[in-house]
Amino acid sequence: MQRLIQYISTNIQGKKVLMLFVITNVVYGFMLVVTIPKTIAYANGMKLLDMMPMGYDYNYVVDLFNTLSVEGRHIYLTNQIPVDMVYPFLFGLTYCLVFGYFLKKLNILKEPFVFLCVLPIIAGIADYLENFGIITLLNTYPDLTLLEVNLTMMASMLKSISTSVYFVGLIGVLLVLGIKTMFKIKRI
């Protein structure tokens, strides 16, 4: 854990964190504005697998892939997935450092708080597992197995849970920082 704290400490300069934050969110914005809508256009109102935080089942995957048709599945595989192979790395790195940056501002960049910096890394790894699962499902369709669907769905849910817990923690830290800052201002 000391190595993580050391890594975060040496990489949380404001400009570096801000630059990573901007790059990460430009990639995310590109997915939201370009690749996801392009893929969803073939889905007839159905959600893509990586947009279902509560999970999905075998029948949903079959229905979605049938609805997407050959062209939609191809777009999912060749447009959405490649961009989503860049995003998890950026998300994990950036949001780990963002949390570390604010922990440093509160002078609590140490255990146990630093464990929260690991959550976006877990989410990023889960996102990669989800992406590899989706690639497998797209490449093996229509010969999907229940195991492949369930493993992919578990990765989707792990991504969702770790991301949600991270953002709850981040909001908590930002609230504490905001309150602390307000009390400093009132004393002046």
Protein backbone atom coordinates (compact mmCIF):
# COMPACT_ATOMS: atom_id res chain seq x y z
CA MET A 1 0.00 0.00 0.00
CA GLN A 2 2.95 2.32 0.60
CA ARG A 3 3.90 2.00 -3.07
CA LEU A 4 0.40 3.11 -4.10
CA ILE A 5 0.54 6.07 -1.74
CA GLN A 6 3.98 6.98 -3.11
CA TYR A 7 2.77 6.68 -6.72
CA ILE A 8 -0.27 8.83 -6.04
CA SER A 9 1.76 11.41 -4.11
CA THR A 10 4.20 11.86 -6.98
CA ASN A 11 1.44 12.18 -9.62
CA ILE A 12 -1.21 14.44 -8.12
CA GLN A 13 -0.06 17.82 -9.33
CA GLY A 14 -3.14 19.86 -10.17
CA LYS A 15 -2.29 20.40 -13.85
CA LYS A 16 -1.51 16.72 -14.45
CA VAL A 17 -4.72 15.57 -12.76
CA LEU A 18 -6.75 18.18 -14.63
CA MET A 19 -5.18 17.19 -17.97
CA LEU A 20 -5.95 13.49 -17.36
CA PHE A 21 -9.48 14.40 -16.25
CA VAL A 22 -10.08 16.36 -19.47
CA ILE A 23 -8.64 13.62 -21.72
CA THR A 24 -10.64 10.92 -19.94
CA ASN A 25 -13.87 12.85 -20.24
CA VAL A 26 -13.25 13.74 -23.90
CA VAL A 27 -12.98 10.00 -24.62
CA TYR A 28 -16.11 9.35 -22.53
CA GLY A 29 -17.94 12.19 -24.29
CA PHE A 30 -16.93 10.75 -27.68
CA MET A 31 -18.47 7.43 -26.66
CA LEU A 32 -21.65 9.13 -25.42
CA VAL A 33 -22.05 11.32 -28.50
CA VAL A 34 -20.65 9.15 -31.31
CA THR A 35 -20.02 5.44 -30.77
CA ILE A 36 -22.83 4.56 -28.36
CA PRO A 37 -25.57 6.33 -30.38
CA LYS A 38 -24.19 4.80 -33.59
CA THR A 39 -24.53 1.33 -32.03
CA ILE A 40 -27.84 2.01 -30.28
CA ALA A 41 -29.32 3.08 -33.63
CA TYR A 42 -29.49 -0.63 -34.46
CA ALA A 43 -30.84 -1.70 -31.04
CA ASN A 44 -34.45 -0.54 -31.46
CA GLY A 45 -34.53 1.05 -27.99
CA MET A 46 -32.69 -1.75 -26.19
CA LYS A 47 -29.73 -0.88 -23.98
CA LEU A 48 -26.23 -2.06 -24.80
CA LEU A 49 -24.72 -4.58 -22.39
CA ASP A 50 -22.15 -2.13 -21.03
CA MET A 51 -24.97 0.28 -20.17
CA MET A 52 -26.89 -2.07 -17.89
CA PRO A 53 -25.57 -1.63 -14.33
CA MET A 54 -28.13 -4.02 -12.84
CA GLY A 55 -27.10 -6.82 -15.17
CA TYR A 56 -28.84 -8.83 -17.85
CA ASP A 57 -29.53 -12.44 -18.67
CA TYR A 58 -29.00 -14.87 -21.52
CA ASN A 59 -32.37 -14.10 -23.14
CA TYR A 60 -31.68 -10.36 -23.12
CA VAL A 61 -28.33 -10.87 -24.84
CA VAL A 62 -29.94 -13.06 -27.52
CA ASP A 63 -32.75 -10.52 -28.03
CA LEU A 64 -30.29 -7.61 -28.21
CA PHE A 65 -27.98 -9.35 -30.66
CA ASN A 66 -30.94 -10.40 -32.83
CA THR A 67 -32.22 -6.84 -32.81
CA LEU A 68 -28.80 -5.37 -33.62
CA SER A 69 -28.56 -7.63 -36.70
CA VAL A 70 -25.28 -8.39 -38.43
CA GLU A 71 -24.53 -4.73 -39.15
CA GLY A 72 -25.30 -3.54 -35.62
CA ARG A 73 -23.19 -6.29 -34.05
CA HIS A 74 -20.37 -5.31 -36.41
CA ILE A 75 -20.68 -1.63 -35.36
CA TYR A 76 -20.67 -2.69 -31.67
CA LEU A 77 -17.51 -4.73 -32.23
CA THR A 78 -15.62 -2.32 -34.48
CA ASN A 79 -16.74 1.12 -33.27
CA GLN A 80 -17.88 1.04 -29.65
CA ILE A 81 -15.58 -1.64 -28.24
CA PRO A 82 -12.27 -0.18 -29.57
CA VAL A 83 -12.94 3.19 -27.90
CA ASP A 84 -14.10 1.38 -24.78
CA MET A 85 -10.74 -0.41 -24.68
CA VAL A 86 -9.01 2.95 -24.13
CA TYR A 87 -11.47 4.35 -21.61
CA PRO A 88 -11.05 1.87 -18.70
CA PHE A 89 -7.31 2.59 -18.45
CA LEU A 90 -7.94 6.34 -18.48
CA PHE A 91 -10.80 6.01 -15.98
CA GLY A 92 -8.78 3.89 -13.55
CA LEU A 93 -5.70 6.10 -13.65
CA THR A 94 -7.48 9.45 -13.68
CA TYR A 95 -10.03 8.82 -11.00
CA CYS A 96 -7.46 7.14 -8.75
CA LEU A 97 -5.40 10.32 -8.94
CA VAL A 98 -8.44 12.59 -8.59
CA PHE A 99 -9.35 10.88 -5.32
CA GLY A 100 -5.74 11.01 -4.18
CA TYR A 101 -5.58 14.71 -5.02
CA PHE A 102 -8.53 15.49 -2.76
CA LEU A 103 -7.30 13.18 0.00
CA LYS A 104 -4.01 15.10 -0.08
CA LYS A 105 -5.92 18.38 0.22
CA LEU A 106 -7.50 16.97 3.41
CA ASN A 107 -4.12 15.65 4.63
CA ILE A 108 -5.49 12.10 4.76
CA LEU A 109 -3.67 10.44 1.87
CA LYS A 110 -3.02 7.36 3.99
CA GLU A 111 -4.66 4.12 5.06
CA PRO A 112 -7.55 3.39 5.23
CA PHE A 113 -8.68 6.27 2.99
CA VAL A 114 -6.25 5.46 0.19
CA PHE A 115 -8.10 2.18 -0.40
CA LEU A 116 -10.82 4.26 -2.04
CA CYS A 117 -8.27 5.25 -4.70
CA VAL A 118 -8.21 1.59 -5.76
CA LEU A 119 -11.92 1.51 -6.62
CA PRO A 120 -11.58 3.15 -10.07
CA ILE A 121 -8.75 0.73 -10.86
CA ILE A 122 -11.05 -2.17 -9.95
CA ALA A 123 -13.78 -0.59 -12.10
CA GLY A 124 -11.34 -0.27 -15.00
CA ILE A 125 -10.28 -3.91 -14.71
CA ALA A 126 -13.93 -4.97 -14.52
CA ASP A 127 -14.65 -2.84 -17.60
CA TYR A 128 -11.89 -4.67 -19.49
CA LEU A 129 -13.31 -8.02 -18.38
CA GLU A 130 -16.75 -6.85 -19.52
CA ASN A 131 -15.35 -5.73 -22.89
CA PHE A 132 -13.54 -9.03 -23.45
CA GLY A 133 -16.78 -10.81 -22.53
CA ILE A 134 -18.78 -8.71 -24.99
CA ILE A 135 -16.19 -9.35 -27.70
CA THR A 136 -16.48 -13.09 -27.02
CA LEU A 137 -20.28 -12.94 -27.10
CA LEU A 138 -20.31 -10.94 -30.35
CA ASN A 139 -17.81 -13.29 -31.98
CA THR A 140 -19.54 -16.51 -30.89
CA TYR A 141 -23.13 -15.37 -31.55
CA PRO A 142 -25.46 -17.23 -32.12
CA ASP A 143 -23.62 -20.00 -30.25
CA LEU A 144 -23.66 -18.22 -26.89
CA THR A 145 -23.21 -20.12 -23.66
CA LEU A 146 -24.87 -19.31 -20.38
CA LEU A 147 -21.43 -19.26 -18.71
CA GLU A 148 -20.10 -16.62 -21.14
CA VAL A 149 -23.16 -14.44 -20.60
CA ASN A 150 -23.04 -14.81 -16.80
CA LEU A 151 -19.31 -14.06 -16.57
CA THR A 152 -19.74 -10.96 -18.74
CA MET A 153 -22.73 -9.85 -16.69
CA MET A 154 -20.78 -10.31 -13.43
CA ALA A 155 -18.01 -8.08 -14.83
CA SER A 156 -20.65 -5.48 -15.77
CA MET A 157 -22.05 -5.53 -12.27
CA LEU A 158 -18.61 -5.35 -10.62
CA LYS A 159 -17.83 -2.32 -12.80
CA SER A 160 -21.09 -0.70 -11.79
CA ILE A 161 -20.74 -1.41 -8.06
CA SER A 162 -17.12 -0.27 -7.80
CA THR A 163 -17.86 2.88 -9.83
CA SER A 164 -20.89 3.71 -7.68
CA VAL A 165 -19.04 3.19 -4.40
CA TYR A 166 -16.16 5.30 -5.73
CA PHE A 167 -18.38 8.25 -6.63
CA VAL A 168 -20.21 8.07 -3.29
CA GLY A 169 -16.80 8.20 -1.57
CA LEU A 170 -15.65 11.05 -3.79
CA ILE A 171 -18.81 13.05 -3.06
CA GLY A 172 -18.22 12.46 0.65
CA VAL A 173 -14.63 13.69 0.42
CA LEU A 174 -15.70 16.74 -1.60
CA LEU A 175 -18.37 17.56 0.99
CA VAL A 176 -15.83 17.33 3.81
CA LEU A 177 -13.40 19.49 1.83
CA GLY A 178 -16.15 22.01 1.09
CA ILE A 179 -17.20 22.23 4.74
CA LYS A 180 -13.58 22.54 5.85
CA THR A 181 -13.01 25.32 3.30
CA MET A 182 -16.16 27.18 4.40
CA PHE A 183 -15.03 27.13 8.03
CA LYS A 184 -11.63 28.53 7.02
CA ILE A 185 -13.32 31.35 5.08
CA LYS A 186 -15.64 32.19 8.02
CA ARG A 187 -12.66 32.46 10.37
CA ILE A 188 -11.07 35.11 8.16
